[in-house]
């Protein structure tokens, strides 16, 4: 759940920061393997990250 929360936080525009693209967000998450996220979780994320983008776009109404 933490990975999904971080993905959403990075992709979403906030008053204090602009949103990041899917590619920027994925890069940041993948780079955190072994520090913030278990490397095994990151292996799975690398295979399914496109679903995160699809869900984010569908839920936020952005394109």
PDB file of N, CA and C in Angstrom:
ATOM      1  N   UNK A   1       0.825  -1.195   0.000  1.00  0.00           N
ATOM      2  CA  UNK A   1       0.000   0.000   0.000  1.00  0.00           C
ATOM      3  C   UNK A   1       0.868   1.257   0.000  1.00  0.00           C
ATOM      4  N   UNK A   2       2.016   1.181   0.644  1.00  0.00           N
ATOM      5  CA  UNK A   2       2.894   2.354   0.704  1.00  0.00           C
ATOM      6  C   UNK A   2       3.331   2.788  -0.686  1.00  0.00           C
ATOM      7  N   UNK A   3       3.632   1.826  -1.540  1.00  0.00           N
ATOM      8  CA  UNK A   3       4.077   2.162  -2.889  1.00  0.00           C
ATOM      9  C   UNK A   3       2.958   2.868  -3.657  1.00  0.00           C
ATOM     10  N   UNK A   4       1.748   2.381  -3.546  1.00  0.00           N
ATOM     11  CA  UNK A   4       0.611   3.019  -4.216  1.00  0.00           C
ATOM     12  C   UNK A   4       0.389   4.431  -3.678  1.00  0.00           C
ATOM     13  N   UNK A   5       0.546   4.609  -2.381  1.00  0.00           N
ATOM     14  CA  UNK A   5       0.381   5.923  -1.766  1.00  0.00           C
ATOM     15  C   UNK A   5       1.444   6.898  -2.272  1.00  0.00           C
ATOM     16  N   UNK A   6       2.681   6.442  -2.346  1.00  0.00           N
ATOM     17  CA  UNK A   6       3.766   7.293  -2.843  1.00  0.00           C
ATOM     18  C   UNK A   6       3.546   7.632  -4.316  1.00  0.00           C
ATOM     19  N   UNK A   7       3.130   6.644  -5.094  1.00  0.00           N
ATOM     20  CA  UNK A   7       2.862   6.891  -6.515  1.00  0.00           C
ATOM     21  C   UNK A   7       1.818   8.007  -6.656  1.00  0.00           C
ATOM     22  N   UNK A   8       0.729   7.895  -5.931  1.00  0.00           N
ATOM     23  CA  UNK A   8      -0.335   8.895  -6.011  1.00  0.00           C
ATOM     24  C   UNK A   8       0.159  10.263  -5.543  1.00  0.00           C
ATOM     25  N   UNK A   9       0.915  10.290  -4.459  1.00  0.00           N
ATOM     26  CA  UNK A   9       1.413  11.564  -3.933  1.00  0.00           C
ATOM     27  C   UNK A   9       2.334  12.260  -4.926  1.00  0.00           C
ATOM     28  N   UNK A  10       3.196  11.499  -5.574  1.00  0.00           N
ATOM     29  CA  UNK A  10       4.111  12.095  -6.542  1.00  0.00           C
ATOM     30  C   UNK A  10       3.389  12.557  -7.806  1.00  0.00           C
ATOM     31  N   UNK A  11       2.394  11.804  -8.239  1.00  0.00           N
ATOM     32  CA  UNK A  11       1.673  12.150  -9.473  1.00  0.00           C
ATOM     33  C   UNK A  11       0.701  13.305  -9.290  1.00  0.00           C
ATOM     34  N   UNK A  12       0.244  13.513  -8.066  1.00  0.00           N
ATOM     35  CA  UNK A  12      -0.786  14.516  -7.813  1.00  0.00           C
ATOM     36  C   UNK A  12      -0.202  15.901  -7.558  1.00  0.00           C
ATOM     37  N   UNK A  13      -0.836  16.890  -8.149  1.00  0.00           N
ATOM     38  CA  UNK A  13      -0.455  18.281  -7.901  1.00  0.00           C
ATOM     39  C   UNK A  13      -0.914  18.660  -6.497  1.00  0.00           C
ATOM     40  N   UNK A  14      -0.051  19.342  -5.797  1.00  0.00           N
ATOM     41  CA  UNK A  14      -0.377  19.849  -4.465  1.00  0.00           C
ATOM     42  C   UNK A  14      -0.103  21.351  -4.446  1.00  0.00           C
ATOM     43  N   UNK A  15      -0.618  22.024  -3.455  1.00  0.00           N
ATOM     44  CA  UNK A  15      -0.392  23.462  -3.325  1.00  0.00           C
ATOM     45  C   UNK A  15       1.107  23.752  -3.226  1.00  0.00           C
ATOM     46  N   UNK A  16       1.837  22.864  -2.591  1.00  0.00           N
ATOM     47  CA  UNK A  16       3.258  23.070  -2.320  1.00  0.00           C
ATOM     48  C   UNK A  16       4.188  22.421  -3.348  1.00  0.00           C
ATOM     49  N   UNK A  17       3.629  21.736  -4.385  1.00  0.00           N
ATOM     50  CA  UNK A  17       4.493  21.103  -5.381  1.00  0.00           C
ATOM     51  C   UNK A  17       3.706  20.772  -6.649  1.00  0.00           C
ATOM     52  N   UNK A  18       4.396  20.787  -7.788  1.00  0.00           N
ATOM     53  CA  UNK A  18       3.737  20.364  -9.031  1.00  0.00           C
ATOM     54  C   UNK A  18       3.685  18.841  -9.111  1.00  0.00           C
ATOM     55  N   UNK A  19       2.826  18.335  -9.981  1.00  0.00           N
ATOM     56  CA  UNK A  19       2.752  16.887 -10.176  1.00  0.00           C
ATOM     57  C   UNK A  19       3.963  16.411 -10.978  1.00  0.00           C
ATOM     58  N   UNK A  20       4.284  15.151 -10.844  1.00  0.00           N
ATOM     59  CA  UNK A  20       5.357  14.526 -11.619  1.00  0.00           C
ATOM     60  C   UNK A  20       4.723  13.609 -12.664  1.00  0.00           C
ATOM     61  N   UNK A  21       5.439  13.377 -13.742  1.00  0.00           N
ATOM     62  CA  UNK A  21       4.957  12.477 -14.783  1.00  0.00           C
ATOM     63  C   UNK A  21       5.054  11.031 -14.304  1.00  0.00           C
ATOM     64  N   UNK A  22       4.437  10.153 -15.057  1.00  0.00           N
ATOM     65  CA  UNK A  22       4.513   8.731 -14.741  1.00  0.00           C
ATOM     66  C   UNK A  22       5.968   8.258 -14.779  1.00  0.00           C
ATOM     67  N   UNK A  23       6.703   8.655 -15.800  1.00  0.00           N
ATOM     68  CA  UNK A  23       8.100   8.220 -15.926  1.00  0.00           C
ATOM     69  C   UNK A  23       8.975   8.745 -14.786  1.00  0.00           C
ATOM     70  N   UNK A  24       8.791  10.012 -14.411  1.00  0.00           N
ATOM     71  CA  UNK A  24       9.555  10.569 -13.281  1.00  0.00           C
ATOM     72  C   UNK A  24       9.230   9.820 -11.991  1.00  0.00           C
ATOM     73  N   UNK A  25       7.953   9.563 -11.796  1.00  0.00           N
ATOM     74  CA  UNK A  25       7.505   8.867 -10.589  1.00  0.00           C
ATOM     75  C   UNK A  25       8.076   7.456 -10.532  1.00  0.00           C
ATOM     76  N   UNK A  26       8.001   6.734 -11.637  1.00  0.00           N
ATOM     77  CA  UNK A  26       8.540   5.368 -11.675  1.00  0.00           C
ATOM     78  C   UNK A  26      10.032   5.369 -11.390  1.00  0.00           C
ATOM     79  N   UNK A  27      10.752   6.299 -11.975  1.00  0.00           N
ATOM     80  CA  UNK A  27      12.198   6.388 -11.758  1.00  0.00           C
ATOM     81  C   UNK A  27      12.501   6.590 -10.273  1.00  0.00           C
ATOM     82  N   UNK A  28      11.784   7.491  -9.632  1.00  0.00           N
ATOM     83  CA  UNK A  28      12.008   7.760  -8.207  1.00  0.00           C
ATOM     84  C   UNK A  28      11.703   6.524  -7.358  1.00  0.00           C
ATOM     85  N   UNK A  29      10.625   5.844  -7.668  1.00  0.00           N
ATOM     86  CA  UNK A  29      10.243   4.655  -6.906  1.00  0.00           C
ATOM     87  C   UNK A  29      11.268   3.544  -7.107  1.00  0.00           C
ATOM     88  N   UNK A  30      11.658   3.303  -8.338  1.00  0.00           N
ATOM     89  CA  UNK A  30      12.616   2.234  -8.636  1.00  0.00           C
ATOM     90  C   UNK A  30      13.963   2.518  -7.978  1.00  0.00           C
ATOM     91  N   UNK A  31      14.370   3.768  -7.965  1.00  0.00           N
ATOM     92  CA  UNK A  31      15.635   4.143  -7.324  1.00  0.00           C
ATOM     93  C   UNK A  31      15.612   3.944  -5.808  1.00  0.00           C
ATOM     94  N   UNK A  32      14.426   3.833  -5.230  1.00  0.00           N
ATOM     95  CA  UNK A  32      14.322   3.675  -3.779  1.00  0.00           C
ATOM     96  C   UNK A  32      14.296   2.207  -3.341  1.00  0.00           C
ATOM     97  N   UNK A  33      14.531   1.290  -4.288  1.00  0.00           N
ATOM     98  CA  UNK A  33      14.596  -0.136  -3.944  1.00  0.00           C
ATOM     99  C   UNK A  33      15.722  -0.360  -2.948  1.00  0.00           C
ATOM    100  N   UNK A  34      15.402  -1.063  -1.876  1.00  0.00           N
ATOM    101  CA  UNK A  34      16.404  -1.364  -0.867  1.00  0.00           C
ATOM    102  C   UNK A  34      16.498  -0.334   0.236  1.00  0.00           C
ATOM    103  N   UNK A  35      15.932   0.852   0.006  1.00  0.00           N
ATOM    104  CA  UNK A  35      15.927   1.857   1.068  1.00  0.00           C
ATOM    105  C   UNK A  35      14.503   2.089   1.573  1.00  0.00           C
ATOM    106  N   UNK A  36      13.625   2.534   0.698  1.00  0.00           N
ATOM    107  CA  UNK A  36      12.231   2.743   1.093  1.00  0.00           C
ATOM    108  C   UNK A  36      11.344   1.541   0.787  1.00  0.00           C
ATOM    109  N   UNK A  37      11.688   0.807  -0.261  1.00  0.00           N
ATOM    110  CA  UNK A  37      10.868  -0.322  -0.664  1.00  0.00           C
ATOM    111  C   UNK A  37      11.696  -1.589  -0.796  1.00  0.00           C
ATOM    112  N   UNK A  38      11.087  -2.691  -0.455  1.00  0.00           N
ATOM    113  CA  UNK A  38      11.702  -4.004  -0.614  1.00  0.00           C
ATOM    114  C   UNK A  38      12.009  -4.221  -2.100  1.00  0.00           C
ATOM    115  N   UNK A  39      13.210  -4.655  -2.424  1.00  0.00           N
ATOM    116  CA  UNK A  39      13.563  -4.890  -3.824  1.00  0.00           C
ATOM    117  C   UNK A  39      12.619  -5.865  -4.544  1.00  0.00           C
ATOM    118  N   UNK A  40      12.048  -6.808  -3.823  1.00  0.00           N
ATOM    119  CA  UNK A  40      11.100  -7.740  -4.447  1.00  0.00           C
ATOM    120  C   UNK A  40       9.829  -7.019  -4.879  1.00  0.00           C
ATOM    121  N   UNK A  41       9.388  -6.051  -4.093  1.00  0.00           N
ATOM    122  CA  UNK A  41       8.211  -5.252  -4.459  1.00  0.00           C
ATOM    123  C   UNK A  41       8.521  -4.431  -5.717  1.00  0.00           C
ATOM    124  N   UNK A  42       9.728  -3.902  -5.790  1.00  0.00           N
ATOM    125  CA  UNK A  42      10.118  -3.111  -6.951  1.00  0.00           C
ATOM    126  C   UNK A  42      10.176  -3.980  -8.210  1.00  0.00           C
ATOM    127  N   UNK A  43      10.603  -5.218  -8.079  1.00  0.00           N
ATOM    128  CA  UNK A  43      10.599  -6.134  -9.236  1.00  0.00           C
ATOM    129  C   UNK A  43       9.187  -6.280  -9.792  1.00  0.00           C
ATOM    130  N   UNK A  44       8.226  -6.444  -8.906  1.00  0.00           N
ATOM    131  CA  UNK A  44       6.828  -6.569  -9.336  1.00  0.00           C
ATOM    132  C   UNK A  44       6.359  -5.245  -9.947  1.00  0.00           C
ATOM    133  N   UNK A  45       6.679  -4.133  -9.284  1.00  0.00           N
ATOM    134  CA  UNK A  45       6.273  -2.815  -9.785  1.00  0.00           C
ATOM    135  C   UNK A  45       6.770  -2.583 -11.211  1.00  0.00           C
ATOM    136  N   UNK A  46       7.997  -2.986 -11.503  1.00  0.00           N
ATOM    137  CA  UNK A  46       8.552  -2.805 -12.850  1.00  0.00           C
ATOM    138  C   UNK A  46       7.706  -3.512 -13.903  1.00  0.00           C
ATOM    139  N   UNK A  47       7.077  -4.615 -13.525  1.00  0.00           N
ATOM    140  CA  UNK A  47       6.250  -5.369 -14.466  1.00  0.00           C
ATOM    141  C   UNK A  47       4.829  -4.842 -14.593  1.00  0.00           C
ATOM    142  N   UNK A  48       4.364  -4.109 -13.603  1.00  0.00           N
ATOM    143  CA  UNK A  48       2.960  -3.682 -13.614  1.00  0.00           C
ATOM    144  C   UNK A  48       2.770  -2.168 -13.534  1.00  0.00           C
ATOM    145  N   UNK A  49       3.835  -1.380 -13.623  1.00  0.00           N
ATOM    146  CA  UNK A  49       3.720   0.076 -13.439  1.00  0.00           C
ATOM    147  C   UNK A  49       2.724   0.705 -14.401  1.00  0.00           C
ATOM    148  N   UNK A  50       2.556   0.125 -15.580  1.00  0.00           N
ATOM    149  CA  UNK A  50       1.608   0.700 -16.539  1.00  0.00           C
ATOM    150  C   UNK A  50       0.172   0.670 -16.006  1.00  0.00           C
ATOM    151  N   UNK A  51      -0.150  -0.296 -15.149  1.00  0.00           N
ATOM    152  CA  UNK A  51      -1.483  -0.324 -14.531  1.00  0.00           C
ATOM    153  C   UNK A  51      -1.660   0.863 -13.594  1.00  0.00           C
ATOM    154  N   UNK A  52      -0.608   1.247 -12.901  1.00  0.00           N
ATOM    155  CA  UNK A  52      -0.675   2.406 -12.013  1.00  0.00           C
ATOM    156  C   UNK A  52      -1.043   3.651 -12.818  1.00  0.00           C
ATOM    157  N   UNK A  53      -0.400   3.811 -13.965  1.00  0.00           N
ATOM    158  CA  UNK A  53      -0.692   4.967 -14.812  1.00  0.00           C
ATOM    159  C   UNK A  53      -2.147   4.935 -15.287  1.00  0.00           C
ATOM    160  N   UNK A  54      -2.601   3.777 -15.746  1.00  0.00           N
ATOM    161  CA  UNK A  54      -3.988   3.646 -16.204  1.00  0.00           C
ATOM    162  C   UNK A  54      -4.983   3.988 -15.102  1.00  0.00           C
ATOM    163  N   UNK A  55      -4.774   3.429 -13.913  1.00  0.00           N
ATOM    164  CA  UNK A  55      -5.678   3.706 -12.797  1.00  0.00           C
ATOM    165  C   UNK A  55      -5.646   5.163 -12.395  1.00  0.00           C
ATOM    166  N   UNK A  56      -4.458   5.738 -12.355  1.00  0.00           N
ATOM    167  CA  UNK A  56      -4.336   7.146 -11.972  1.00  0.00           C
ATOM    168  C   UNK A  56      -5.106   8.029 -12.941  1.00  0.00           C
ATOM    169  N   UNK A  57      -4.920   7.791 -14.236  1.00  0.00           N
ATOM    170  CA  UNK A  57      -5.617   8.596 -15.247  1.00  0.00           C
ATOM    171  C   UNK A  57      -7.125   8.400 -15.137  1.00  0.00           C
ATOM    172  N   UNK A  58      -7.574   7.166 -14.998  1.00  0.00           N
ATOM    173  CA  UNK A  58      -9.014   6.900 -14.909  1.00  0.00           C
ATOM    174  C   UNK A  58      -9.646   7.480 -13.651  1.00  0.00           C
ATOM    175  N   UNK A  59      -8.937   7.417 -12.543  1.00  0.00           N
ATOM    176  CA  UNK A  59      -9.505   7.926 -11.288  1.00  0.00           C
ATOM    177  C   UNK A  59      -9.441   9.443 -11.181  1.00  0.00           C
ATOM    178  N   UNK A  60      -8.424  10.032 -11.773  1.00  0.00           N
ATOM    179  CA  UNK A  60      -8.286  11.485 -11.645  1.00  0.00           C
ATOM    180  C   UNK A  60      -9.014  12.233 -12.758  1.00  0.00           C
ATOM    181  N   UNK A  61      -9.332  11.540 -13.840  1.00  0.00           N
ATOM    182  CA  UNK A  61      -9.989  12.180 -14.957  1.00  0.00           C
ATOM    183  C   UNK A  61      -9.029  12.935 -15.854  1.00  0.00           C
ATOM    184  N   UNK A  62      -7.713  12.810 -15.566  1.00  0.00           N
ATOM    185  CA  UNK A  62      -6.691  13.453 -16.391  1.00  0.00           C
ATOM    186  C   UNK A  62      -6.409  12.595 -17.616  1.00  0.00           C
ATOM    187  N   UNK A  63      -5.780  13.209 -18.593  1.00  0.00           N
ATOM    188  CA  UNK A  63      -5.361  12.443 -19.757  1.00  0.00           C
ATOM    189  C   UNK A  63      -3.932  12.756 -20.134  1.00  0.00           C
TER     190      UNK A  63
END
